[in-house]
Amino acid sequence: MVEPVPLLSRVAESVHWMARYIERAENVARFIGVNLRLLDMPLEPTQQWQPLIDTSGDVELFGKRYGEATRANVIQFLAMDGENPSSIYSCLRAARENARSVRETISSEMWEQINGMYLNFMPPQGALRRKDTLSEILQAVRMGCHLFQGIADSTMSRNEAWHFMRLGGSLERADKISRILDVKYFILLPSPTVVGTPYDDLHWAAVLKSVSGFEMYRKKFGGITPGNIVDFLVLDREFPRAIHHCICQSDDWLHAITGTPVGTYRCRSEQLLGLLRAELDFTPVESVIHGGLHQYLDALQVKLNGVGDSLFGDFFGWSSPNGAQSYAVGTSG
């Protein structure tokens, strides 16, 4: 007779990774969109596109498959490459596979949306080379992911599967927003003379627009300054794409799963997430900037990876009767 705990672990991990891959696909589309908004900047072609590979964590894989970071190579790698586990195509494929394995847990409307997104994501030959067509493709990916999240909000019961799904989406969003900010850092690093110029303002505006935060930022702060933008995208508690907000939400979802009172913990993942939340609660923006934005974001990404690893140990790892370990389709990064 099959034990119920392994089944619960499989379902929990599958819905968790389904949400992470949907969020990742949307954010990779945003990722590429940052650079499309910056094509008029005074930068060399390699300088324009290499940062996307540097901050993705896939430098070695990209180098083996493509070599030079040209516009065509980077977009192909991030959008369509089936051997890149973090490409938009691979994310939609993995999200669909995880959704297929838990069709009895999610709503039929959720399955139809995620299945349709995967089946329809096949740009015609040469479409990725045209800026206007590429922008339309990226926009369709983003809107499709938004629609999936809205359908999930409207049709799924607020049970443990729901909490695992929301936990996965929030953690993935926090990681990817940090990487989008890192793209800005790497693009300007070779050109410090651009800092403080109108080009710098255009860069920051593009970053805000890429995370759908430009209007909310202007309502709160008005003029564009690097310190306020870092405050808004890293430390804000109210903007849904701010890292701090995502971590607070993740902590709440995790405590809803375990039943542990907020502010306490009884597993490693709760401890790590609570420590990260407390750090963001009390970190002033001046400390982030003076210590180096890239260094802060890099350390944050390591901590987020630690939370993801601990979630596997606390909830998802299990052994089948023959001793083999089993888990859903998922990769960090």
C-alpha atoms as a PDB file:
ATOM      1  CA  MET A   1       0.000   0.000   0.000  1.00  0.00           C
ATOM      2  CA  VAL A   2       1.415   3.427  -0.983  1.00  0.00           C
ATOM      3  CA  GLU A   3       2.119   5.730   1.939  1.00  0.00           C
ATOM      4  CA  PRO A   4       0.293   9.110   1.780  1.00  0.00           C
ATOM      5  CA  VAL A   5       3.268  11.273   2.823  1.00  0.00           C
ATOM      6  CA  PRO A   6       5.322  10.677  -0.355  1.00  0.00           C
ATOM      7  CA  LEU A   7       2.258  11.515  -2.441  1.00  0.00           C
ATOM      8  CA  LEU A   8       1.822  14.767  -0.526  1.00  0.00           C
ATOM      9  CA  SER A   9       5.510  15.556  -1.033  1.00  0.00           C
ATOM     10  CA  ARG A  10       5.229  14.986  -4.774  1.00  0.00           C
ATOM     11  CA  VAL A  11       2.134  17.160  -5.089  1.00  0.00           C
ATOM     12  CA  ALA A  12       3.601  19.911  -2.912  1.00  0.00           C
ATOM     13  CA  GLU A  13       6.830  20.020  -4.905  1.00  0.00           C
ATOM     14  CA  SER A  14       5.066  19.889  -8.261  1.00  0.00           C
ATOM     15  CA  VAL A  15       2.759  22.834  -7.546  1.00  0.00           C
ATOM     16  CA  HIS A  16       5.694  24.697  -5.992  1.00  0.00           C
ATOM     17  CA  TRP A  17       7.817  24.278  -9.118  1.00  0.00           C
ATOM     18  CA  MET A  18       4.885  24.895 -11.426  1.00  0.00           C
ATOM     19  CA  ALA A  19       4.520  28.347  -9.861  1.00  0.00           C
ATOM     20  CA  ARG A  20       8.270  28.968  -9.902  1.00  0.00           C
ATOM     21  CA  TYR A  21       8.554  28.163 -13.596  1.00  0.00           C
ATOM     22  CA  ILE A  22       5.597  30.369 -14.532  1.00  0.00           C
ATOM     23  CA  GLU A  23       7.152  33.220 -12.561  1.00  0.00           C
ATOM     24  CA  ARG A  24      10.558  32.488 -14.091  1.00  0.00           C
ATOM     25  CA  ALA A  25       9.192  32.532 -17.644  1.00  0.00           C
ATOM     26  CA  GLU A  26       7.576  35.897 -17.017  1.00  0.00           C
ATOM     27  CA  ASN A  27      10.716  37.336 -15.459  1.00  0.00           C
ATOM     28  CA  VAL A  28      12.993  36.085 -18.231  1.00  0.00           C
ATOM     29  CA  ALA A  29      10.660  37.903 -20.622  1.00  0.00           C
ATOM     30  CA  ARG A  30      11.084  40.990 -18.437  1.00  0.00           C
ATOM     31  CA  PHE A  31      14.822  40.335 -18.346  1.00  0.00           C
ATOM     32  CA  ILE A  32      15.091  40.535 -22.130  1.00  0.00           C
ATOM     33  CA  GLY A  33      12.743  43.498 -22.114  1.00  0.00           C
ATOM     34  CA  VAL A  34      15.181  45.508 -19.977  1.00  0.00           C
ATOM     35  CA  ASN A  35      17.754  45.313 -22.737  1.00  0.00           C
ATOM     36  CA  LEU A  36      15.297  46.045 -25.531  1.00  0.00           C
ATOM     37  CA  ARG A  37      14.507  49.295 -23.714  1.00  0.00           C
ATOM     38  CA  LEU A  38      18.218  50.125 -23.569  1.00  0.00           C
ATOM     39  CA  LEU A  39      19.140  49.562 -27.215  1.00  0.00           C
ATOM     40  CA  ASP A  40      19.615  53.289 -27.793  1.00  0.00           C
ATOM     41  CA  MET A  41      22.270  53.534 -25.073  1.00  0.00           C
ATOM     42  CA  PRO A  42      25.915  54.297 -26.095  1.00  0.00           C
ATOM     43  CA  LEU A  43      27.137  50.747 -25.450  1.00  0.00           C
ATOM     44  CA  GLU A  44      29.049  48.139 -27.415  1.00  0.00           C
ATOM     45  CA  PRO A  45      26.889  45.187 -28.594  1.00  0.00           C
ATOM     46  CA  THR A  46      28.663  42.673 -26.339  1.00  0.00           C
ATOM     47  CA  GLN A  47      28.487  45.069 -23.400  1.00  0.00           C
ATOM     48  CA  GLN A  48      24.752  45.362 -24.043  1.00  0.00           C
ATOM     49  CA  TRP A  49      23.967  41.628 -23.944  1.00  0.00           C
ATOM     50  CA  GLN A  50      26.714  39.893 -21.932  1.00  0.00           C
ATOM     51  CA  PRO A  51      25.288  41.139 -18.584  1.00  0.00           C
ATOM     52  CA  LEU A  52      22.140  39.066 -19.144  1.00  0.00           C
ATOM     53  CA  ILE A  53      24.288  35.941 -19.287  1.00  0.00           C
ATOM     54  CA  ASP A  54      26.510  37.057 -16.400  1.00  0.00           C
ATOM     55  CA  THR A  55      23.573  37.543 -14.061  1.00  0.00           C
ATOM     56  CA  SER A  56      21.659  34.440 -15.187  1.00  0.00           C
ATOM     57  CA  GLY A  57      24.270  32.085 -13.760  1.00  0.00           C
ATOM     58  CA  ASP A  58      24.525  30.226 -17.085  1.00  0.00           C
ATOM     59  CA  VAL A  59      27.815  31.650 -18.368  1.00  0.00           C
ATOM     60  CA  GLU A  60      29.471  28.263 -18.874  1.00  0.00           C
ATOM     61  CA  LEU A  61      26.503  26.716 -20.672  1.00  0.00           C
ATOM     62  CA  PHE A  62      26.098  29.752 -22.922  1.00  0.00           C
ATOM     63  CA  GLY A  63      29.810  29.806 -23.741  1.00  0.00           C
ATOM     64  CA  LYS A  64      29.788  26.170 -24.798  1.00  0.00           C
ATOM     65  CA  ARG A  65      26.713  26.549 -27.002  1.00  0.00           C
ATOM     66  CA  TYR A  66      27.102  30.029 -28.476  1.00  0.00           C
ATOM     67  CA  GLY A  67      30.420  31.665 -27.616  1.00  0.00           C
ATOM     68  CA  GLU A  68      29.962  35.389 -28.277  1.00  0.00           C
ATOM     69  CA  ALA A  69      27.167  37.276 -26.517  1.00  0.00           C
ATOM     70  CA  THR A  70      25.505  38.824 -29.563  1.00  0.00           C
ATOM     71  CA  ARG A  71      21.911  39.992 -29.578  1.00  0.00           C
ATOM     72  CA  ALA A  72      20.753  36.993 -31.621  1.00  0.00           C
ATOM     73  CA  ASN A  73      22.662  34.451 -29.522  1.00  0.00           C
ATOM     74  CA  VAL A  74      21.519  35.807 -26.161  1.00  0.00           C
ATOM     75  CA  ILE A  75      17.865  36.089 -27.179  1.00  0.00           C
ATOM     76  CA  GLN A  76      17.877  32.586 -28.655  1.00  0.00           C
ATOM     77  CA  PHE A  77      19.505  31.203 -25.485  1.00  0.00           C
ATOM     78  CA  LEU A  78      17.130  32.966 -23.090  1.00  0.00           C
ATOM     79  CA  ALA A  79      13.945  32.566 -25.115  1.00  0.00           C
ATOM     80  CA  MET A  80      13.972  29.369 -27.164  1.00  0.00           C
ATOM     81  CA  ASP A  81      16.903  27.124 -26.219  1.00  0.00           C
ATOM     82  CA  GLY A  82      15.485  23.813 -24.980  1.00  0.00           C
ATOM     83  CA  GLU A  83      18.848  22.865 -23.453  1.00  0.00           C
ATOM     84  CA  ASN A  84      18.874  25.978 -21.275  1.00  0.00           C
ATOM     85  CA  PRO A  85      16.667  25.022 -18.301  1.00  0.00           C
ATOM     86  CA  SER A  86      15.900  28.687 -17.612  1.00  0.00           C
ATOM     87  CA  SER A  87      14.842  29.723 -21.125  1.00  0.00           C
ATOM     88  CA  ILE A  88      11.240  30.818 -21.585  1.00  0.00           C
ATOM     89  CA  TYR A  89      10.518  27.706 -23.654  1.00  0.00           C
ATOM     90  CA  SER A  90      12.066  25.366 -21.063  1.00  0.00           C
ATOM     91  CA  CYS A  91      10.217  27.097 -18.226  1.00  0.00           C
ATOM     92  CA  LEU A  92       6.851  26.758 -19.941  1.00  0.00           C
ATOM     93  CA  ARG A  93       7.620  23.108 -20.756  1.00  0.00           C
ATOM     94  CA  ALA A  94       8.615  22.327 -17.151  1.00  0.00           C
ATOM     95  CA  ALA A  95       5.644  24.244 -15.729  1.00  0.00           C
ATOM     96  CA  ARG A  96       3.313  22.261 -17.993  1.00  0.00           C
ATOM     97  CA  GLU A  97       4.917  18.958 -16.969  1.00  0.00           C
ATOM     98  CA  ASN A  98       4.525  19.756 -13.279  1.00  0.00           C
ATOM     99  CA  ALA A  99       0.927  20.902 -13.841  1.00  0.00           C
ATOM    100  CA  ARG A 100       0.163  17.714 -15.786  1.00  0.00           C
ATOM    101  CA  SER A 101       1.336  15.591 -12.862  1.00  0.00           C
ATOM    102  CA  VAL A 102      -1.059  17.353 -10.419  1.00  0.00           C
ATOM    103  CA  ARG A 103      -4.116  17.890 -12.605  1.00  0.00           C
ATOM    104  CA  GLU A 104      -6.268  16.434  -9.828  1.00  0.00           C
ATOM    105  CA  THR A 105      -5.022  19.191  -7.480  1.00  0.00           C
ATOM    106  CA  ILE A 106      -5.232  22.298  -9.682  1.00  0.00           C
ATOM    107  CA  SER A 107      -8.336  23.549 -11.487  1.00  0.00           C
ATOM    108  CA  SER A 108      -9.091  22.596 -15.087  1.00  0.00           C
ATOM    109  CA  GLU A 109      -8.918  26.283 -16.025  1.00  0.00           C
ATOM    110  CA  MET A 110      -5.344  26.463 -14.690  1.00  0.00           C
ATOM    111  CA  TRP A 111      -4.354  23.419 -16.721  1.00  0.00           C
ATOM    112  CA  GLU A 112      -5.944  24.775 -19.899  1.00  0.00           C
ATOM    113  CA  GLN A 113      -4.095  28.078 -19.547  1.00  0.00           C
ATOM    114  CA  ILE A 114      -0.686  26.583 -18.848  1.00  0.00           C
ATOM    115  CA  ASN A 115      -1.093  23.954 -21.573  1.00  0.00           C
ATOM    116  CA  GLY A 116      -2.162  26.594 -24.066  1.00  0.00           C
ATOM    117  CA  MET A 117       0.791  28.837 -23.214  1.00  0.00           C
ATOM    118  CA  TYR A 118       3.219  26.021 -23.889  1.00  0.00           C
ATOM    119  CA  LEU A 119       1.591  24.883 -27.123  1.00  0.00           C
ATOM    120  CA  ASN A 120       1.327  28.423 -28.491  1.00  0.00           C
ATOM    121  CA  PHE A 121       4.876  29.501 -27.662  1.00  0.00           C
ATOM    122  CA  MET A 122       6.536  28.836 -30.981  1.00  0.00           C
ATOM    123  CA  PRO A 123       7.639  32.089 -32.648  1.00  0.00           C
ATOM    124  CA  PRO A 124       7.837  31.937 -36.466  1.00  0.00           C
ATOM    125  CA  GLN A 125      11.231  31.748 -38.142  1.00  0.00           C
ATOM    126  CA  GLY A 126      13.101  35.028 -37.791  1.00  0.00           C
ATOM    127  CA  ALA A 127      10.599  36.587 -35.372  1.00  0.00           C
ATOM    128  CA  LEU A 128      13.145  36.893 -32.571  1.00  0.00           C
ATOM    129  CA  ARG A 129      15.371  39.058 -34.784  1.00  0.00           C
ATOM    130  CA  ARG A 130      12.737  41.780 -35.237  1.00  0.00           C
ATOM    131  CA  LYS A 131      12.408  44.135 -32.286  1.00  0.00           C
ATOM    132  CA  ASP A 132       8.698  44.863 -32.756  1.00  0.00           C
ATOM    133  CA  THR A 133       7.769  41.184 -33.126  1.00  0.00           C
ATOM    134  CA  LEU A 134      10.008  40.162 -30.223  1.00  0.00           C
ATOM    135  CA  SER A 135       8.373  42.777 -27.999  1.00  0.00           C
ATOM    136  CA  GLU A 136       4.962  41.346 -28.883  1.00  0.00           C
ATOM    137  CA  ILE A 137       6.124  37.814 -28.070  1.00  0.00           C
ATOM    138  CA  LEU A 138       7.539  38.884 -24.713  1.00  0.00           C
ATOM    139  CA  GLN A 139       4.380  40.817 -23.906  1.00  0.00           C
ATOM    140  CA  ALA A 140       2.259  37.757 -24.737  1.00  0.00           C
ATOM    141  CA  VAL A 141       4.362  35.635 -22.360  1.00  0.00           C
ATOM    142  CA  ARG A 142       3.968  38.161 -19.571  1.00  0.00           C
ATOM    143  CA  MET A 143       0.225  38.520 -20.083  1.00  0.00           C
ATOM    144  CA  GLY A 144      -0.211  34.750 -20.285  1.00  0.00           C
ATOM    145  CA  CYS A 145       1.601  34.310 -16.970  1.00  0.00           C
ATOM    146  CA  HIS A 146      -0.504  37.059 -15.397  1.00  0.00           C
ATOM    147  CA  LEU A 147      -3.639  35.343 -16.664  1.00  0.00           C
ATOM    148  CA  PHE A 148      -2.524  32.036 -15.176  1.00  0.00           C
ATOM    149  CA  GLN A 149      -1.913  33.667 -11.803  1.00  0.00           C
ATOM    150  CA  GLY A 150      -5.291  35.376 -11.935  1.00  0.00           C
ATOM    151  CA  ILE A 151      -7.034  32.106 -12.813  1.00  0.00           C
ATOM    152  CA  ALA A 152      -5.255  30.391  -9.930  1.00  0.00           C
ATOM    153  CA  ASP A 153      -6.366  33.153  -7.548  1.00  0.00           C
ATOM    154  CA  SER A 154      -9.965  32.737  -8.685  1.00  0.00           C
ATOM    155  CA  THR A 155     -10.305  28.952  -8.953  1.00  0.00           C
ATOM    156  CA  MET A 156      -7.994  27.198  -6.477  1.00  0.00           C
ATOM    157  CA  SER A 157      -8.891  26.334  -2.887  1.00  0.00           C
ATOM    158  CA  ARG A 158      -6.752  27.949  -0.186  1.00  0.00           C
ATOM    159  CA  ASN A 159      -5.266  24.677   0.995  1.00  0.00           C
ATOM    160  CA  GLU A 160      -1.694  23.427   1.448  1.00  0.00           C
ATOM    161  CA  ALA A 161      -1.178  23.063  -2.291  1.00  0.00           C
ATOM    162  CA  TRP A 162      -2.161  26.707  -2.721  1.00  0.00           C
ATOM    163  CA  HIS A 163       0.324  27.817  -0.057  1.00  0.00           C
ATOM    164  CA  PHE A 164       3.151  25.806  -1.623  1.00  0.00           C
ATOM    165  CA  MET A 165       2.321  27.322  -4.998  1.00  0.00           C
ATOM    166  CA  ARG A 166       2.328  30.887  -3.689  1.00  0.00           C
ATOM    167  CA  LEU A 167       5.524  30.224  -1.724  1.00  0.00           C
ATOM    168  CA  GLY A 168       7.274  29.084  -4.895  1.00  0.00           C
ATOM    169  CA  GLY A 169       6.106  32.075  -6.910  1.00  0.00           C
ATOM    170  CA  SER A 170       7.158  34.587  -4.244  1.00  0.00           C
ATOM    171  CA  LEU A 171      10.640  33.119  -3.817  1.00  0.00           C
ATOM    172  CA  GLU A 172      11.195  33.004  -7.563  1.00  0.00           C
ATOM    173  CA  ARG A 173      10.057  36.600  -7.970  1.00  0.00           C
ATOM    174  CA  ALA A 174      12.420  37.834  -5.252  1.00  0.00           C
ATOM    175  CA  ASP A 175      15.347  36.079  -6.923  1.00  0.00           C
ATOM    176  CA  LYS A 176      14.588  37.339 -10.400  1.00  0.00           C
ATOM    177  CA  ILE A 177      13.986  40.953  -9.331  1.00  0.00           C
ATOM    178  CA  SER A 178      17.426  40.881  -7.719  1.00  0.00           C
ATOM    179  CA  ARG A 179      18.895  39.653 -11.016  1.00  0.00           C
ATOM    180  CA  ILE A 180      17.130  42.344 -13.041  1.00  0.00           C
ATOM    181  CA  LEU A 181      18.693  44.929 -10.724  1.00  0.00           C
ATOM    182  CA  ASP A 182      22.035  43.217 -11.196  1.00  0.00           C
ATOM    183  CA  VAL A 183      21.749  43.647 -14.977  1.00  0.00           C
ATOM    184  CA  LYS A 184      21.671  47.411 -14.423  1.00  0.00           C
ATOM    185  CA  TYR A 185      24.809  47.178 -12.291  1.00  0.00           C
ATOM    186  CA  PHE A 186      26.758  45.107 -14.820  1.00  0.00           C
ATOM    187  CA  ILE A 187      25.743  47.258 -17.789  1.00  0.00           C
ATOM    188  CA  LEU A 188      27.049  50.452 -16.189  1.00  0.00           C
ATOM    189  CA  LEU A 189      30.102  48.891 -14.531  1.00  0.00           C
ATOM    190  CA  PRO A 190      32.384  49.301 -17.584  1.00  0.00           C
ATOM    191  CA  SER A 191      31.143  52.889 -18.142  1.00  0.00           C
ATOM    192  CA  PRO A 192      31.267  54.814 -14.836  1.00  0.00           C
ATOM    193  CA  THR A 193      31.179  58.110 -16.747  1.00  0.00           C
ATOM    194  CA  VAL A 194      27.532  57.388 -17.577  1.00  0.00           C
ATOM    195  CA  VAL A 195      26.516  57.441 -13.891  1.00  0.00           C
ATOM    196  CA  GLY A 196      24.564  60.570 -13.005  1.00  0.00           C
ATOM    197  CA  THR A 197      23.873  61.512 -16.640  1.00  0.00           C
ATOM    198  CA  PRO A 198      20.558  61.431 -18.532  1.00  0.00           C
ATOM    199  CA  TYR A 199      21.597  57.984 -19.827  1.00  0.00           C
ATOM    200  CA  ASP A 200      21.737  56.799 -16.229  1.00  0.00           C
ATOM    201  CA  ASP A 201      18.190  58.049 -15.641  1.00  0.00           C
ATOM    202  CA  LEU A 202      17.035  56.232 -18.771  1.00  0.00           C
ATOM    203  CA  HIS A 203      18.601  53.025 -17.483  1.00  0.00           C
ATOM    204  CA  TRP A 204      16.825  53.270 -14.151  1.00  0.00           C
ATOM    205  CA  ALA A 205      13.517  54.170 -15.793  1.00  0.00           C
ATOM    206  CA  ALA A 206      13.866  51.110 -18.039  1.00  0.00           C
ATOM    207  CA  VAL A 207      14.473  48.901 -15.013  1.00  0.00           C
ATOM    208  CA  LEU A 208      11.382  50.272 -13.264  1.00  0.00           C
ATOM    209  CA  LYS A 209       9.254  49.776 -16.383  1.00  0.00           C
ATOM    210  CA  SER A 210      10.581  46.248 -16.833  1.00  0.00           C
ATOM    211  CA  VAL A 211       9.140  45.279 -13.437  1.00  0.00           C
ATOM    212  CA  SER A 212       5.914  47.278 -13.968  1.00  0.00           C
ATOM    213  CA  GLY A 213       6.996  49.597 -11.170  1.00  0.00           C
ATOM    214  CA  PHE A 214       7.521  52.930 -12.923  1.00  0.00           C
ATOM    215  CA  GLU A 215       4.113  54.429 -12.086  1.00  0.00           C
ATOM    216  CA  MET A 216       4.043  53.210  -8.478  1.00  0.00           C
ATOM    217  CA  TYR A 217       7.587  54.480  -7.964  1.00  0.00           C
ATOM    218  CA  ARG A 218       6.716  57.933  -9.324  1.00  0.00           C
ATOM    219  CA  LYS A 219       3.655  58.101  -7.071  1.00  0.00           C
ATOM    220  CA  LYS A 220       5.795  57.393  -4.023  1.00  0.00           C
ATOM    221  CA  PHE A 221       9.086  59.167  -4.763  1.00  0.00           C
ATOM    222  CA  GLY A 222       8.629  61.431  -7.775  1.00  0.00           C
ATOM    223  CA  GLY A 223      12.037  62.004  -9.341  1.00  0.00           C
ATOM    224  CA  ILE A 224      14.378  59.176 -10.323  1.00  0.00           C
ATOM    225  CA  THR A 225      17.337  58.667  -7.996  1.00  0.00           C
ATOM    226  CA  PRO A 226      19.333  55.426  -7.569  1.00  0.00           C
ATOM    227  CA  GLY A 227      18.886  55.401  -3.789  1.00  0.00           C
ATOM    228  CA  ASN A 228      15.103  55.676  -3.986  1.00  0.00           C
ATOM    229  CA  ILE A 229      14.914  53.021  -6.703  1.00  0.00           C
ATOM    230  CA  VAL A 230      16.947  50.582  -4.624  1.00  0.00           C
ATOM    231  CA  ASP A 231      14.739  51.414  -1.643  1.00  0.00           C
ATOM    232  CA  PHE A 232      11.629  50.780  -3.755  1.00  0.00           C
ATOM    233  CA  LEU A 233      12.668  47.532  -5.461  1.00  0.00           C
ATOM    234  CA  VAL A 234      14.593  45.975  -2.579  1.00  0.00           C
ATOM    235  CA  LEU A 235      13.157  47.241   0.719  1.00  0.00           C
ATOM    236  CA  ASP A 236       9.576  48.356   0.010  1.00  0.00           C
ATOM    237  CA  ARG A 237       6.915  46.437   1.957  1.00  0.00           C
ATOM    238  CA  GLU A 238       3.947  47.344  -0.251  1.00  0.00           C
ATOM    239  CA  PHE A 239       5.003  47.028  -3.900  1.00  0.00           C
ATOM    240  CA  PRO A 240       4.294  43.387  -4.911  1.00  0.00           C
ATOM    241  CA  ARG A 241       7.528  43.047  -6.908  1.00  0.00           C
ATOM    242  CA  ALA A 242       9.786  44.476  -4.218  1.00  0.00           C
ATOM    243  CA  ILE A 243      12.146  41.873  -2.770  1.00  0.00           C
ATOM    244  CA  HIS A 244      11.138  42.706   0.809  1.00  0.00           C
ATOM    245  CA  HIS A 245       7.446  42.262   0.025  1.00  0.00           C
ATOM    246  CA  CYS A 246       8.135  38.909  -1.670  1.00  0.00           C
ATOM    247  CA  ILE A 247      10.122  37.632   1.307  1.00  0.00           C
ATOM    248  CA  CYS A 248       7.413  38.711   3.770  1.00  0.00           C
ATOM    249  CA  GLN A 249       4.807  36.920   1.660  1.00  0.00           C
ATOM    250  CA  SER A 250       7.004  33.816   1.418  1.00  0.00           C
ATOM    251  CA  ASP A 251       7.449  33.756   5.177  1.00  0.00           C
ATOM    252  CA  ASP A 252       3.695  34.050   5.684  1.00  0.00           C
ATOM    253  CA  TRP A 253       2.956  31.233   3.195  1.00  0.00           C
ATOM    254  CA  LEU A 254       5.521  28.968   4.862  1.00  0.00           C
ATOM    255  CA  HIS A 255       4.065  29.546   8.318  1.00  0.00           C
ATOM    256  CA  ALA A 256       0.590  28.864   6.932  1.00  0.00           C
ATOM    257  CA  ILE A 257       1.893  25.468   5.781  1.00  0.00           C
ATOM    258  CA  THR A 258       3.574  24.514   9.053  1.00  0.00           C
ATOM    259  CA  GLY A 259       1.169  26.191  11.473  1.00  0.00           C
ATOM    260  CA  THR A 260       4.116  27.634  13.372  1.00  0.00           C
ATOM    261  CA  PRO A 261       3.444  31.129  14.820  1.00  0.00           C
ATOM    262  CA  VAL A 262       5.122  33.921  12.861  1.00  0.00           C
ATOM    263  CA  GLY A 263       8.403  34.883  14.509  1.00  0.00           C
ATOM    264  CA  THR A 264       9.201  31.302  15.523  1.00  0.00           C
ATOM    265  CA  TYR A 265      10.421  28.274  13.608  1.00  0.00           C
ATOM    266  CA  ARG A 266      10.630  24.502  13.805  1.00  0.00           C
ATOM    267  CA  CYS A 267      12.423  23.674  10.562  1.00  0.00           C
ATOM    268  CA  ARG A 268      15.503  24.937   8.771  1.00  0.00           C
ATOM    269  CA  SER A 269      13.639  26.659   5.936  1.00  0.00           C
ATOM    270  CA  GLU A 270      11.524  28.654   8.403  1.00  0.00           C
ATOM    271  CA  GLN A 271      14.675  29.698  10.235  1.00  0.00           C
ATOM    272  CA  LEU A 272      16.487  30.861   7.088  1.00  0.00           C
ATOM    273  CA  LEU A 273      13.472  32.681   5.701  1.00  0.00           C
ATOM    274  CA  GLY A 274      12.809  34.338   9.062  1.00  0.00           C
ATOM    275  CA  LEU A 275      16.416  35.527   9.273  1.00  0.00           C
ATOM    276  CA  LEU A 276      16.222  36.971   5.762  1.00  0.00           C
ATOM    277  CA  ARG A 277      12.932  38.706   6.548  1.00  0.00           C
ATOM    278  CA  ALA A 278      14.378  40.223   9.714  1.00  0.00           C
ATOM    279  CA  GLU A 279      17.434  41.429   7.801  1.00  0.00           C
ATOM    280  CA  LEU A 280      15.253  43.203   5.255  1.00  0.00           C
ATOM    281  CA  ASP A 281      13.036  44.601   8.016  1.00  0.00           C
ATOM    282  CA  PHE A 282      15.926  46.481   9.589  1.00  0.00           C
ATOM    283  CA  THR A 283      18.369  47.180   6.733  1.00  0.00           C
ATOM    284  CA  PRO A 284      18.520  50.877   5.742  1.00  0.00           C
ATOM    285  CA  VAL A 285      18.927  51.633   2.059  1.00  0.00           C
ATOM    286  CA  GLU A 286      22.136  53.539   2.814  1.00  0.00           C
ATOM    287  CA  SER A 287      23.689  50.321   4.066  1.00  0.00           C
ATOM    288  CA  VAL A 288      22.808  48.514   0.822  1.00  0.00           C
ATOM    289  CA  ILE A 289      24.287  51.250  -1.344  1.00  0.00           C
ATOM    290  CA  HIS A 290      27.429  51.898   0.695  1.00  0.00           C
ATOM    291  CA  GLY A 291      28.205  48.195   0.924  1.00  0.00           C
ATOM    292  CA  GLY A 292      27.769  47.798  -2.832  1.00  0.00           C
ATOM    293  CA  LEU A 293      24.504  46.965  -4.577  1.00  0.00           C
ATOM    294  CA  HIS A 294      25.984  44.060  -6.518  1.00  0.00           C
ATOM    295  CA  GLN A 295      27.587  42.562  -3.406  1.00  0.00           C
ATOM    296  CA  TYR A 296      24.303  42.861  -1.511  1.00  0.00           C
ATOM    297  CA  LEU A 297      22.262  41.283  -4.315  1.00  0.00           C
ATOM    298  CA  ASP A 298      24.806  38.510  -4.788  1.00  0.00           C
ATOM    299  CA  ALA A 299      24.638  37.623  -1.079  1.00  0.00           C
ATOM    300  CA  LEU A 300      20.842  37.799  -1.210  1.00  0.00           C
ATOM    301  CA  GLN A 301      20.718  35.327  -4.096  1.00  0.00           C
ATOM    302  CA  VAL A 302      22.911  32.906  -2.127  1.00  0.00           C
ATOM    303  CA  LYS A 303      20.502  33.149   0.821  1.00  0.00           C
ATOM    304  CA  LEU A 304      17.500  32.567  -1.420  1.00  0.00           C
ATOM    305  CA  ASN A 305      19.188  29.476  -2.857  1.00  0.00           C
ATOM    306  CA  GLY A 306      19.749  28.304   0.714  1.00  0.00           C
ATOM    307  CA  VAL A 307      16.038  28.669   1.449  1.00  0.00           C
ATOM    308  CA  GLY A 308      15.210  26.669  -1.678  1.00  0.00           C
ATOM    309  CA  ASP A 309      17.628  23.885  -0.715  1.00  0.00           C
ATOM    310  CA  SER A 310      16.224  23.732   2.809  1.00  0.00           C
ATOM    311  CA  LEU A 311      12.656  23.497   1.489  1.00  0.00           C
ATOM    312  CA  PHE A 312      13.644  20.351  -0.381  1.00  0.00           C
ATOM    313  CA  GLY A 313      15.088  18.835   2.778  1.00  0.00           C
ATOM    314  CA  ASP A 314      12.165  19.876   4.975  1.00  0.00           C
ATOM    315  CA  PHE A 315       9.236  19.089   2.676  1.00  0.00           C
ATOM    316  CA  PHE A 316      10.030  17.637  -0.741  1.00  0.00           C
ATOM    317  CA  GLY A 317      12.722  14.999  -0.326  1.00  0.00           C
ATOM    318  CA  TRP A 318      11.392  11.501   0.151  1.00  0.00           C
ATOM    319  CA  SER A 319      12.428   7.955  -0.626  1.00  0.00           C
ATOM    320  CA  SER A 320      10.389   5.483  -2.618  1.00  0.00           C
ATOM    321  CA  PRO A 321       9.981   1.902  -1.328  1.00  0.00           C
ATOM    322  CA  ASN A 322      13.050   0.769  -3.304  1.00  0.00           C
ATOM    323  CA  GLY A 323      15.167   3.524  -1.758  1.00  0.00           C
ATOM    324  CA  ALA A 324      15.371   5.787  -4.790  1.00  0.00           C
ATOM    325  CA  GLN A 325      14.714   9.469  -4.200  1.00  0.00           C
ATOM    326  CA  SER A 326      11.976  11.135  -6.210  1.00  0.00           C
ATOM    327  CA  TYR A 327      11.176  14.766  -6.908  1.00  0.00           C
ATOM    328  CA  ALA A 328       9.326  16.999  -9.318  1.00  0.00           C
ATOM    329  CA  VAL A 329      10.724  18.795 -12.348  1.00  0.00           C
ATOM    330  CA  GLY A 330      12.670  21.712 -10.917  1.00  0.00           C
ATOM    331  CA  THR A 331      16.003  23.502 -11.040  1.00  0.00           C
ATOM    332  CA  SER A 332      17.247  26.482  -9.070  1.00  0.00           C
ATOM    333  CA  GLY A 333      18.731  29.568 -10.678  1.00  0.00           C
END
